[in-house]
Amino acid sequence: MKIKPIKNRVLVEPIKEEKSKSGIILPDTTDDKKQTEGIIVAVSEKSIFKIGTRIIFTEYSFTKIKQKDILYLVIDENDILAIIEDDKVDSEGSKE
C-alpha cells in the first residue's frame, strides 16, 4: 500500500532520538519544548516541501498511521515550524 497525502499535508517518518559522537542519547523533545523532528517521505501534489526534507513540527499536530510496523505521521504544512539544513563546511573546515 502506498500512502499519498492530499491537500496541504505531508507524510513524515518521525525521528525518535539521536546519539552524539560520544554515544550520548539526545532526545527529540524536552519537557518545556513540545516539538519533534521528522523526515518527509511523501507530499501532496501542491506541496511546497520536498521528499527527504528534515523538519521540526509541533507535537500533537498530526495523525498517526502505522504501516508494516513503521510509524508515519500525516502533518498539515501549516504545522511545520522549520526546515533543518545540514551545516556546510568550506574547504578550510569552517562552517558557513
Protein backbone atom coordinates (compact mmCIF):
# COMPACT_ATOMS: atom_id res chain seq x y z
CA MET A 1 0.00 0.00 0.00
CA LYS A 2 1.27 3.48 -0.88
CA ILE A 3 0.17 6.49 1.16
CA LYS A 4 -0.13 9.79 -0.70
CA PRO A 5 -1.18 12.86 1.30
CA ILE A 6 -3.84 15.19 -0.10
CA LYS A 7 -4.46 18.93 0.13
CA ASN A 8 -1.65 20.67 2.04
CA ARG A 9 -0.37 17.69 4.02
CA VAL A 10 2.88 15.73 4.15
CA LEU A 11 3.72 12.21 5.32
CA VAL A 12 6.57 12.17 7.83
CA GLU A 13 8.67 9.45 9.41
CA PRO A 14 9.44 10.72 12.91
CA ILE A 15 12.97 10.81 14.28
CA LYS A 16 12.82 9.46 17.82
CA GLU A 17 16.29 10.19 19.17
CA GLU A 18 19.83 10.66 18.07
CA LYS A 19 23.19 9.72 19.52
CA SER A 20 26.08 12.12 19.73
CA LYS A 21 29.52 11.07 18.51
CA SER A 22 30.39 10.12 22.09
CA GLY A 23 27.28 7.91 22.38
CA ILE A 24 25.08 10.23 24.44
CA ILE A 25 21.39 9.86 23.52
CA LEU A 26 19.85 13.19 22.53
CA PRO A 27 16.04 13.13 22.91
CA ASP A 28 13.92 14.93 20.33
CA THR A 29 11.94 16.88 22.95
CA THR A 30 12.31 18.30 26.42
CA ASP A 31 9.58 18.90 28.98
CA ASP A 32 9.32 22.60 28.19
CA LYS A 33 9.56 22.29 24.40
CA LYS A 34 6.78 20.36 22.71
CA GLN A 35 8.40 19.98 19.31
CA THR A 36 9.58 17.00 17.36
CA GLU A 37 11.52 16.17 14.21
CA GLY A 38 10.96 14.02 11.19
CA ILE A 39 11.81 13.39 7.56
CA ILE A 40 9.22 13.93 4.84
CA VAL A 41 8.61 10.68 2.92
CA ALA A 42 5.61 11.73 0.76
CA VAL A 43 3.97 15.01 -0.24
CA SER A 44 0.73 16.17 -1.83
CA GLU A 45 0.77 17.39 -5.44
CA LYS A 46 0.69 21.06 -4.42
CA SER A 47 3.17 20.81 -1.54
CA ILE A 48 5.93 23.38 -1.16
CA PHE A 49 8.11 20.74 0.56
CA LYS A 50 10.25 18.01 -0.98
CA ILE A 51 10.67 14.36 -0.06
CA GLY A 52 13.73 13.90 2.16
CA THR A 53 13.42 17.29 3.87
CA ARG A 54 14.11 17.15 7.61
CA ILE A 55 11.60 19.25 9.55
CA ILE A 56 10.57 20.36 13.03
CA PHE A 57 6.84 20.35 13.76
CA THR A 58 4.64 20.91 16.78
CA GLU A 59 3.77 17.98 18.99
CA TYR A 60 0.18 16.71 18.77
CA SER A 61 -0.29 18.30 15.32
CA PHE A 62 -0.50 15.04 13.40
CA THR A 63 -2.44 11.88 12.65
CA LYS A 64 -0.59 8.60 13.28
CA ILE A 65 -0.56 5.87 10.63
CA LYS A 66 1.21 2.56 11.09
CA GLN A 67 2.19 0.56 8.00
CA LYS A 68 4.37 -2.58 8.09
CA ASP A 69 5.42 -1.81 11.69
CA ILE A 70 6.65 1.67 10.72
CA LEU A 71 5.00 4.71 12.31
CA TYR A 72 4.21 7.59 9.96
CA LEU A 73 2.63 10.95 10.73
CA VAL A 74 0.33 12.95 8.46
CA ILE A 75 1.01 16.63 9.14
CA ASP A 76 -0.58 19.80 7.81
CA GLU A 77 2.06 22.04 6.22
CA ASN A 78 0.93 24.91 8.47
CA ASP A 79 2.14 22.91 11.50
CA ILE A 80 5.71 22.68 10.20
CA LEU A 81 7.84 25.09 12.22
CA ALA A 82 11.21 24.84 10.49
CA ILE A 83 13.40 23.02 7.99
CA ILE A 84 16.65 21.56 9.34
CA GLU A 85 19.53 22.20 6.98
CA ASP A 86 22.90 20.48 7.21
CA ASP A 87 25.83 22.71 8.08
CA LYS A 88 28.04 23.21 5.06
CA VAL A 89 31.78 23.13 5.60
CA ASP A 90 34.08 25.15 3.36
CA SER A 91 37.45 23.92 2.10
CA GLU A 92 39.20 25.24 5.24
CA GLY A 93 36.92 23.26 7.57
CA SER A 94 34.89 26.24 8.77
CA LYS A 95 31.10 26.20 8.91
CA GLU A 96 29.38 28.67 6.60
